[in-house]
Amino acid sequence: MEVIYGLLPLIAILGLAMVGILFWAIRSGQYDDMEGPGWRVIMDDDDPLLPNRRKETSASDTPQPVDDLAAPKKPTS
């Protein structure tokens, strides 16, 4: 029973510390944009390891429709 006299102040101090940390996080802007980081992960298209990413494009490098890429090429004579 004597242990509870030491634990109650410890719990109160930890609770106040957690509330203080919560208010600090709110004031510092941690909760301003809740959806942005999730979309930033999904829309990450600046990865150099992605296929078909070219740094320089010219007029002859126009993208072809997906159907033309899947069909076999016909020889031109």
PDB file of N, CA and C in Angstrom:
ATOM      1  N   MET A   1       0.825  -1.192   0.000  1.00  0.00           N
ATOM      2  CA  MET A   1       0.000   0.000   0.000  1.00  0.00           C
ATOM      3  C   MET A   1       0.874   1.263   0.000  1.00  0.00           C
ATOM      4  N   GLU A   2       2.066   1.173   0.559  1.00  0.00           N
ATOM      5  CA  GLU A   2       2.940   2.342   0.589  1.00  0.00           C
ATOM      6  C   GLU A   2       3.443   2.704  -0.809  1.00  0.00           C
ATOM      7  N   VAL A   3       3.465   1.722  -1.713  1.00  0.00           N
ATOM      8  CA  VAL A   3       3.954   1.968  -3.073  1.00  0.00           C
ATOM      9  C   VAL A   3       3.035   2.952  -3.797  1.00  0.00           C
ATOM     10  N   ILE A   4       1.754   2.901  -3.499  1.00  0.00           N
ATOM     11  CA  ILE A   4       0.804   3.769  -4.191  1.00  0.00           C
ATOM     12  C   ILE A   4       1.080   5.235  -3.893  1.00  0.00           C
ATOM     13  N   TYR A   5       1.650   5.543  -2.738  1.00  0.00           N
ATOM     14  CA  TYR A   5       1.973   6.929  -2.393  1.00  0.00           C
ATOM     15  C   TYR A   5       3.121   7.456  -3.259  1.00  0.00           C
ATOM     16  N   GLY A   6       3.938   6.603  -3.770  1.00  0.00           N
ATOM     17  CA  GLY A   6       5.012   7.010  -4.676  1.00  0.00           C
ATOM     18  C   GLY A   6       4.571   7.003  -6.125  1.00  0.00           C
ATOM     19  N   LEU A   7       3.645   6.086  -6.458  1.00  0.00           N
ATOM     20  CA  LEU A   7       3.213   5.985  -7.844  1.00  0.00           C
ATOM     21  C   LEU A   7       2.249   7.093  -8.254  1.00  0.00           C
ATOM     22  N   LEU A   8       1.398   7.537  -7.346  1.00  0.00           N
ATOM     23  CA  LEU A   8       0.433   8.586  -7.703  1.00  0.00           C
ATOM     24  C   LEU A   8       1.123   9.881  -8.142  1.00  0.00           C
ATOM     25  N   PRO A   9       2.104  10.395  -7.413  1.00  0.00           N
ATOM     26  CA  PRO A   9       2.790  11.595  -7.916  1.00  0.00           C
ATOM     27  C   PRO A   9       3.553  11.341  -9.226  1.00  0.00           C
ATOM     28  N   LEU A  10       4.122  10.144  -9.353  1.00  0.00           N
ATOM     29  CA  LEU A  10       4.839   9.812 -10.577  1.00  0.00           C
ATOM     30  C   LEU A  10       3.888   9.803 -11.774  1.00  0.00           C
ATOM     31  N   ILE A  11       2.715   9.236 -11.591  1.00  0.00           N
ATOM     32  CA  ILE A  11       1.715   9.210 -12.669  1.00  0.00           C
ATOM     33  C   ILE A  11       1.254  10.625 -13.006  1.00  0.00           C
ATOM     34  N   ALA A  12       1.055  11.458 -11.978  1.00  0.00           N
ATOM     35  CA  ALA A  12       0.633  12.839 -12.214  1.00  0.00           C
ATOM     36  C   ALA A  12       1.709  13.612 -12.969  1.00  0.00           C
ATOM     37  N   ILE A  13       2.977  13.419 -12.616  1.00  0.00           N
ATOM     38  CA  ILE A  13       4.073  14.114 -13.300  1.00  0.00           C
ATOM     39  C   ILE A  13       4.183  13.649 -14.745  1.00  0.00           C
ATOM     40  N   LEU A  14       4.085  12.343 -14.979  1.00  0.00           N
ATOM     41  CA  LEU A  14       4.144  11.827 -16.348  1.00  0.00           C
ATOM     42  C   LEU A  14       2.959  12.308 -17.173  1.00  0.00           C
ATOM     43  N   GLY A  15       1.780  12.368 -16.568  1.00  0.00           N
ATOM     44  CA  GLY A  15       0.595  12.872 -17.273  1.00  0.00           C
ATOM     45  C   GLY A  15       0.753  14.321 -17.676  1.00  0.00           C
ATOM     46  N   LEU A  16       1.250  15.144 -16.759  1.00  0.00           N
ATOM     47  CA  LEU A  16       1.478  16.555 -17.085  1.00  0.00           C
ATOM     48  C   LEU A  16       2.552  16.717 -18.160  1.00  0.00           C
ATOM     49  N   ALA A  17       3.566  15.874 -18.114  1.00  0.00           N
ATOM     50  CA  ALA A  17       4.607  15.933 -19.142  1.00  0.00           C
ATOM     51  C   ALA A  17       4.025  15.576 -20.511  1.00  0.00           C
ATOM     52  N   MET A  18       3.170  14.570 -20.563  1.00  0.00           N
ATOM     53  CA  MET A  18       2.564  14.177 -21.844  1.00  0.00           C
ATOM     54  C   MET A  18       1.642  15.276 -22.378  1.00  0.00           C
ATOM     55  N   VAL A  19       0.885  15.920 -21.505  1.00  0.00           N
ATOM     56  CA  VAL A  19       0.030  17.036 -21.931  1.00  0.00           C
ATOM     57  C   VAL A  19       0.899  18.188 -22.430  1.00  0.00           C
ATOM     58  N   GLY A  20       2.012  18.444 -21.760  1.00  0.00           N
ATOM     59  CA  GLY A  20       2.930  19.494 -22.213  1.00  0.00           C
ATOM     60  C   GLY A  20       3.515  19.185 -23.585  1.00  0.00           C
ATOM     61  N   ILE A  21       3.877  17.930 -23.805  1.00  0.00           N
ATOM     62  CA  ILE A  21       4.411  17.521 -25.110  1.00  0.00           C
ATOM     63  C   ILE A  21       3.342  17.656 -26.187  1.00  0.00           C
ATOM     64  N   LEU A  22       2.104  17.321 -25.857  1.00  0.00           N
ATOM     65  CA  LEU A  22       1.010  17.462 -26.823  1.00  0.00           C
ATOM     66  C   LEU A  22       0.819  18.921 -27.221  1.00  0.00           C
ATOM     67  N   PHE A  23       0.794  19.828 -26.240  1.00  0.00           N
ATOM     68  CA  PHE A  23       0.634  21.243 -26.562  1.00  0.00           C
ATOM     69  C   PHE A  23       1.831  21.786 -27.341  1.00  0.00           C
ATOM     70  N   TRP A  24       3.032  21.310 -27.031  1.00  0.00           N
ATOM     71  CA  TRP A  24       4.211  21.731 -27.793  1.00  0.00           C
ATOM     72  C   TRP A  24       4.096  21.291 -29.257  1.00  0.00           C
ATOM     73  N   ALA A  25       3.624  20.052 -29.471  1.00  0.00           N
ATOM     74  CA  ALA A  25       3.494  19.545 -30.838  1.00  0.00           C
ATOM     75  C   ALA A  25       2.441  20.336 -31.607  1.00  0.00           C
ATOM     76  N   ILE A  26       1.362  20.705 -30.947  1.00  0.00           N
ATOM     77  CA  ILE A  26       0.320  21.486 -31.625  1.00  0.00           C
ATOM     78  C   ILE A  26       0.843  22.871 -31.979  1.00  0.00           C
ATOM     79  N   ARG A  27       1.539  23.517 -31.061  1.00  0.00           N
ATOM     80  CA  ARG A  27       2.062  24.870 -31.315  1.00  0.00           C
ATOM     81  C   ARG A  27       3.164  24.886 -32.371  1.00  0.00           C
ATOM     82  N   SER A  28       3.939  23.818 -32.451  1.00  0.00           N
ATOM     83  CA  SER A  28       5.041  23.801 -33.425  1.00  0.00           C
ATOM     84  C   SER A  28       4.580  23.393 -34.812  1.00  0.00           C
ATOM     85  N   GLY A  29       3.300  23.078 -34.993  1.00  0.00           N
ATOM     86  CA  GLY A  29       2.766  22.810 -36.322  1.00  0.00           C
ATOM     87  C   GLY A  29       2.839  21.358 -36.753  1.00  0.00           C
ATOM     88  N   GLN A  30       2.985  20.446 -35.822  1.00  0.00           N
ATOM     89  CA  GLN A  30       3.085  19.040 -36.183  1.00  0.00           C
ATOM     90  C   GLN A  30       1.780  18.490 -36.756  1.00  0.00           C
ATOM     91  N   TYR A  31       0.667  19.090 -36.415  1.00  0.00           N
ATOM     92  CA  TYR A  31      -0.627  18.584 -36.855  1.00  0.00           C
ATOM     93  C   TYR A  31      -1.290  19.496 -37.881  1.00  0.00           C
ATOM     94  N   ASP A  32      -0.545  20.385 -38.533  1.00  0.00           N
ATOM     95  CA  ASP A  32      -1.130  21.297 -39.509  1.00  0.00           C
ATOM     96  C   ASP A  32      -1.595  20.574 -40.768  1.00  0.00           C
ATOM     97  N   ASP A  33      -0.790  19.689 -41.313  1.00  0.00           N
ATOM     98  CA  ASP A  33      -1.126  18.991 -42.553  1.00  0.00           C
ATOM     99  C   ASP A  33      -1.125  17.494 -42.268  1.00  0.00           C
ATOM    100  N   MET A  34      -2.317  16.938 -42.068  1.00  0.00           N
ATOM    101  CA  MET A  34      -2.404  15.525 -41.714  1.00  0.00           C
ATOM    102  C   MET A  34      -2.415  14.614 -42.946  1.00  0.00           C
ATOM    103  N   GLU A  35      -2.843  15.109 -44.110  1.00  0.00           N
ATOM    104  CA  GLU A  35      -2.951  14.266 -45.298  1.00  0.00           C
ATOM    105  C   GLU A  35      -1.799  14.424 -46.269  1.00  0.00           C
ATOM    106  N   GLY A  36      -1.066  15.508 -46.194  1.00  0.00           N
ATOM    107  CA  GLY A  36       0.013  15.779 -47.143  1.00  0.00           C
ATOM    108  C   GLY A  36       1.099  14.722 -47.194  1.00  0.00           C
ATOM    109  N   PRO A  37       1.650  14.299 -46.060  1.00  0.00           N
ATOM    110  CA  PRO A  37       2.714  13.297 -46.117  1.00  0.00           C
ATOM    111  C   PRO A  37       2.267  11.972 -46.728  1.00  0.00           C
ATOM    112  N   GLY A  38       1.022  11.580 -46.494  1.00  0.00           N
ATOM    113  CA  GLY A  38       0.525  10.339 -47.094  1.00  0.00           C
ATOM    114  C   GLY A  38       0.446  10.433 -48.607  1.00  0.00           C
ATOM    115  N   TRP A  39      -0.017  11.569 -49.119  1.00  0.00           N
ATOM    116  CA  TRP A  39      -0.095  11.749 -50.572  1.00  0.00           C
ATOM    117  C   TRP A  39       1.287  11.925 -51.179  1.00  0.00           C
ATOM    118  N   ARG A  40       2.210  12.521 -50.422  1.00  0.00           N
ATOM    119  CA  ARG A  40       3.564  12.723 -50.937  1.00  0.00           C
ATOM    120  C   ARG A  40       4.254  11.382 -51.172  1.00  0.00           C
ATOM    121  N   VAL A  41       3.962  10.393 -50.350  1.00  0.00           N
ATOM    122  CA  VAL A  41       4.547   9.069 -50.535  1.00  0.00           C
ATOM    123  C   VAL A  41       3.971   8.412 -51.780  1.00  0.00           C
ATOM    124  N   ILE A  42       2.663   8.544 -51.986  1.00  0.00           N
ATOM    125  CA  ILE A  42       2.017   7.922 -53.136  1.00  0.00           C
ATOM    126  C   ILE A  42       2.430   8.594 -54.438  1.00  0.00           C
ATOM    127  N   MET A  43       2.527   9.903 -54.456  1.00  0.00           N
ATOM    128  CA  MET A  43       2.814  10.650 -55.679  1.00  0.00           C
ATOM    129  C   MET A  43       4.296  10.920 -55.878  1.00  0.00           C
ATOM    130  N   ASP A  44       5.162  10.118 -55.321  1.00  0.00           N
ATOM    131  CA  ASP A  44       6.602  10.309 -55.438  1.00  0.00           C
ATOM    132  C   ASP A  44       7.061   9.835 -56.812  1.00  0.00           C
ATOM    133  N   ASP A  45       7.072  10.752 -57.788  1.00  0.00           N
ATOM    134  CA  ASP A  45       7.448  10.377 -59.150  1.00  0.00           C
ATOM    135  C   ASP A  45       8.807  10.938 -59.555  1.00  0.00           C
ATOM    136  N   ASP A  46       9.562  11.460 -58.627  1.00  0.00           N
ATOM    137  CA  ASP A  46      10.869  11.985 -58.978  1.00  0.00           C
ATOM    138  C   ASP A  46      11.981  10.994 -58.656  1.00  0.00           C
ATOM    139  N   ASP A  47      11.642   9.729 -58.541  1.00  0.00           N
ATOM    140  CA  ASP A  47      12.623   8.691 -58.255  1.00  0.00           C
ATOM    141  C   ASP A  47      13.401   8.362 -59.528  1.00  0.00           C
ATOM    142  N   PRO A  48      14.724   8.489 -59.535  1.00  0.00           N
ATOM    143  CA  PRO A  48      15.490   8.221 -60.754  1.00  0.00           C
ATOM    144  C   PRO A  48      15.495   6.744 -61.137  1.00  0.00           C
ATOM    145  N   LEU A  49      15.088   5.846 -60.258  1.00  0.00           N
ATOM    146  CA  LEU A  49      15.092   4.426 -60.563  1.00  0.00           C
ATOM    147  C   LEU A  49      13.817   3.967 -61.268  1.00  0.00           C
ATOM    148  N   LEU A  50      12.834   4.869 -61.438  1.00  0.00           N
ATOM    149  CA  LEU A  50      11.617   4.501 -62.139  1.00  0.00           C
ATOM    150  C   LEU A  50      11.922   4.282 -63.615  1.00  0.00           C
ATOM    151  N   PRO A  51      11.318   3.276 -64.247  1.00  0.00           N
ATOM    152  CA  PRO A  51      11.578   3.048 -65.676  1.00  0.00           C
ATOM    153  C   PRO A  51      10.971   4.160 -66.528  1.00  0.00           C
ATOM    154  N   ASN A  52      11.552   4.342 -67.707  1.00  0.00           N
ATOM    155  CA  ASN A  52      11.086   5.314 -68.706  1.00  0.00           C
ATOM    156  C   ASN A  52      11.187   6.756 -68.224  1.00  0.00           C
ATOM    157  N   ARG A  53      12.065   7.050 -67.280  1.00  0.00           N
ATOM    158  CA  ARG A  53      12.286   8.426 -66.858  1.00  0.00           C
ATOM    159  C   ARG A  53      13.526   8.930 -67.580  1.00  0.00           C
ATOM    160  N   ARG A  54      13.365   9.950 -68.390  1.00  0.00           N
ATOM    161  CA  ARG A  54      14.487  10.516 -69.133  1.00  0.00           C
ATOM    162  C   ARG A  54      14.716  11.935 -68.658  1.00  0.00           C
ATOM    163  N   LYS A  55      15.962  12.293 -68.545  1.00  0.00           N
ATOM    164  CA  LYS A  55      16.298  13.656 -68.148  1.00  0.00           C
ATOM    165  C   LYS A  55      16.071  14.617 -69.308  1.00  0.00           C
ATOM    166  N   GLU A  56      16.450  14.187 -70.533  1.00  0.00           N
ATOM    167  CA  GLU A  56      16.307  15.028 -71.710  1.00  0.00           C
ATOM    168  C   GLU A  56      15.394  14.317 -72.703  1.00  0.00           C
ATOM    169  N   THR A  57      14.422  15.034 -73.211  1.00  0.00           N
ATOM    170  CA  THR A  57      13.532  14.459 -74.223  1.00  0.00           C
ATOM    171  C   THR A  57      13.623  15.312 -75.483  1.00  0.00           C
ATOM    172  N   SER A  58      13.485  14.645 -76.594  1.00  0.00           N
ATOM    173  CA  SER A  58      13.485  15.358 -77.857  1.00  0.00           C
ATOM    174  C   SER A  58      12.167  15.081 -78.572  1.00  0.00           C
ATOM    175  N   ALA A  59      11.988  15.656 -79.748  1.00  0.00           N
ATOM    176  CA  ALA A  59      10.744  15.481 -80.495  1.00  0.00           C
ATOM    177  C   ALA A  59      10.564  14.036 -80.942  1.00  0.00           C
ATOM    178  N   SER A  60      11.655  13.318 -81.198  1.00  0.00           N
ATOM    179  CA  SER A  60      11.544  11.925 -81.644  1.00  0.00           C
ATOM    180  C   SER A  60      11.228  10.976 -80.495  1.00  0.00           C
ATOM    181  N   ASP A  61      11.361  11.441 -79.257  1.00  0.00           N
ATOM    182  CA  ASP A  61      11.100  10.598 -78.089  1.00  0.00           C
ATOM    183  C   ASP A  61       9.680  10.771 -77.561  1.00  0.00           C
ATOM    184  N   THR A  62       8.728  10.966 -78.432  1.00  0.00           N
ATOM    185  CA  THR A  62       7.348  11.125 -77.972  1.00  0.00           C
ATOM    186  C   THR A  62       6.830   9.796 -77.455  1.00  0.00           C
ATOM    187  N   PRO A  63       6.098   9.805 -76.358  1.00  0.00           N
ATOM    188  CA  PRO A  63       5.587   8.543 -75.813  1.00  0.00           C
ATOM    189  C   PRO A  63       4.546   7.929 -76.733  1.00  0.00           C
ATOM    190  N   GLN A  64       4.576   6.622 -76.842  1.00  0.00           N
ATOM    191  CA  GLN A  64       3.631   5.901 -77.679  1.00  0.00           C
ATOM    192  C   GLN A  64       2.477   5.413 -76.819  1.00  0.00           C
ATOM    193  N   PRO A  65       1.293   5.235 -77.407  1.00  0.00           N
ATOM    194  CA  PRO A  65       0.183   4.675 -76.646  1.00  0.00           C
ATOM    195  C   PRO A  65       0.523   3.257 -76.180  1.00  0.00           C
ATOM    196  N   VAL A  66      -0.096   2.831 -75.124  1.00  0.00           N
ATOM    197  CA  VAL A  66       0.185   1.523 -74.534  1.00  0.00           C
ATOM    198  C   VAL A  66      -0.143   0.406 -75.517  1.00  0.00           C
ATOM    199  N   ASP A  67      -1.195   0.545 -76.326  1.00  0.00           N
ATOM    200  CA  ASP A  67      -1.566  -0.492 -77.284  1.00  0.00           C
ATOM    201  C   ASP A  67      -0.469  -0.700 -78.327  1.00  0.00           C
ATOM    202  N   ASP A  68       0.178   0.370 -78.777  1.00  0.00           N
ATOM    203  CA  ASP A  68       1.238   0.243 -79.770  1.00  0.00           C
ATOM    204  C   ASP A  68       2.469  -0.444 -79.184  1.00  0.00           C
ATOM    205  N   LEU A  69       2.703  -0.274 -77.915  1.00  0.00           N
ATOM    206  CA  LEU A  69       3.859  -0.906 -77.299  1.00  0.00           C
ATOM    207  C   LEU A  69       3.662  -2.411 -77.157  1.00  0.00           C
ATOM    208  N   ALA A  70       2.426  -2.840 -76.945  1.00  0.00           N
ATOM    209  CA  ALA A  70       2.156  -4.264 -76.748  1.00  0.00           C
ATOM    210  C   ALA A  70       2.100  -5.018 -78.076  1.00  0.00           C
ATOM    211  N   ALA A  71       1.716  -4.348 -79.157  1.00  0.00           N
ATOM    212  CA  ALA A  71       1.585  -5.001 -80.460  1.00  0.00           C
ATOM    213  C   ALA A  71       2.960  -5.167 -81.099  1.00  0.00           C
ATOM    214  N   PRO A  72       3.165  -6.242 -81.854  1.00  0.00           N
ATOM    215  CA  PRO A  72       4.451  -6.411 -82.540  1.00  0.00           C
ATOM    216  C   PRO A  72       4.607  -5.365 -83.637  1.00  0.00           C
ATOM    217  N   LYS A  73       5.822  -4.963 -83.859  1.00  0.00           N
ATOM    218  CA  LYS A  73       6.128  -3.956 -84.880  1.00  0.00           C
ATOM    219  C   LYS A  73       6.044  -4.585 -86.269  1.00  0.00           C
ATOM    220  N   LYS A  74       5.430  -3.833 -87.200  1.00  0.00           N
ATOM    221  CA  LYS A  74       5.328  -4.289 -88.587  1.00  0.00           C
ATOM    222  C   LYS A  74       6.489  -3.682 -89.378  1.00  0.00           C
ATOM    223  N   PRO A  75       7.149  -4.491 -90.171  1.00  0.00           N
ATOM    224  CA  PRO A  75       8.268  -3.927 -90.964  1.00  0.00           C
ATOM    225  C   PRO A  75       7.722  -3.000 -92.044  1.00  0.00           C
ATOM    226  N   THR A  76       8.429  -1.936 -92.276  1.00  0.00           N
ATOM    227  CA  THR A  76       8.052  -0.999 -93.345  1.00  0.00           C
ATOM    228  C   THR A  76       8.979  -1.232 -94.535  1.00  0.00           C
ATOM    229  N   SER A  77       8.384  -1.335 -95.733  1.00  0.00           N
ATOM    230  CA  SER A  77       9.202  -1.573 -96.928  1.00  0.00           C
ATOM    231  C   SER A  77       8.915  -0.535 -97.973  1.00  0.00           C
TER     232      SER A  77
END
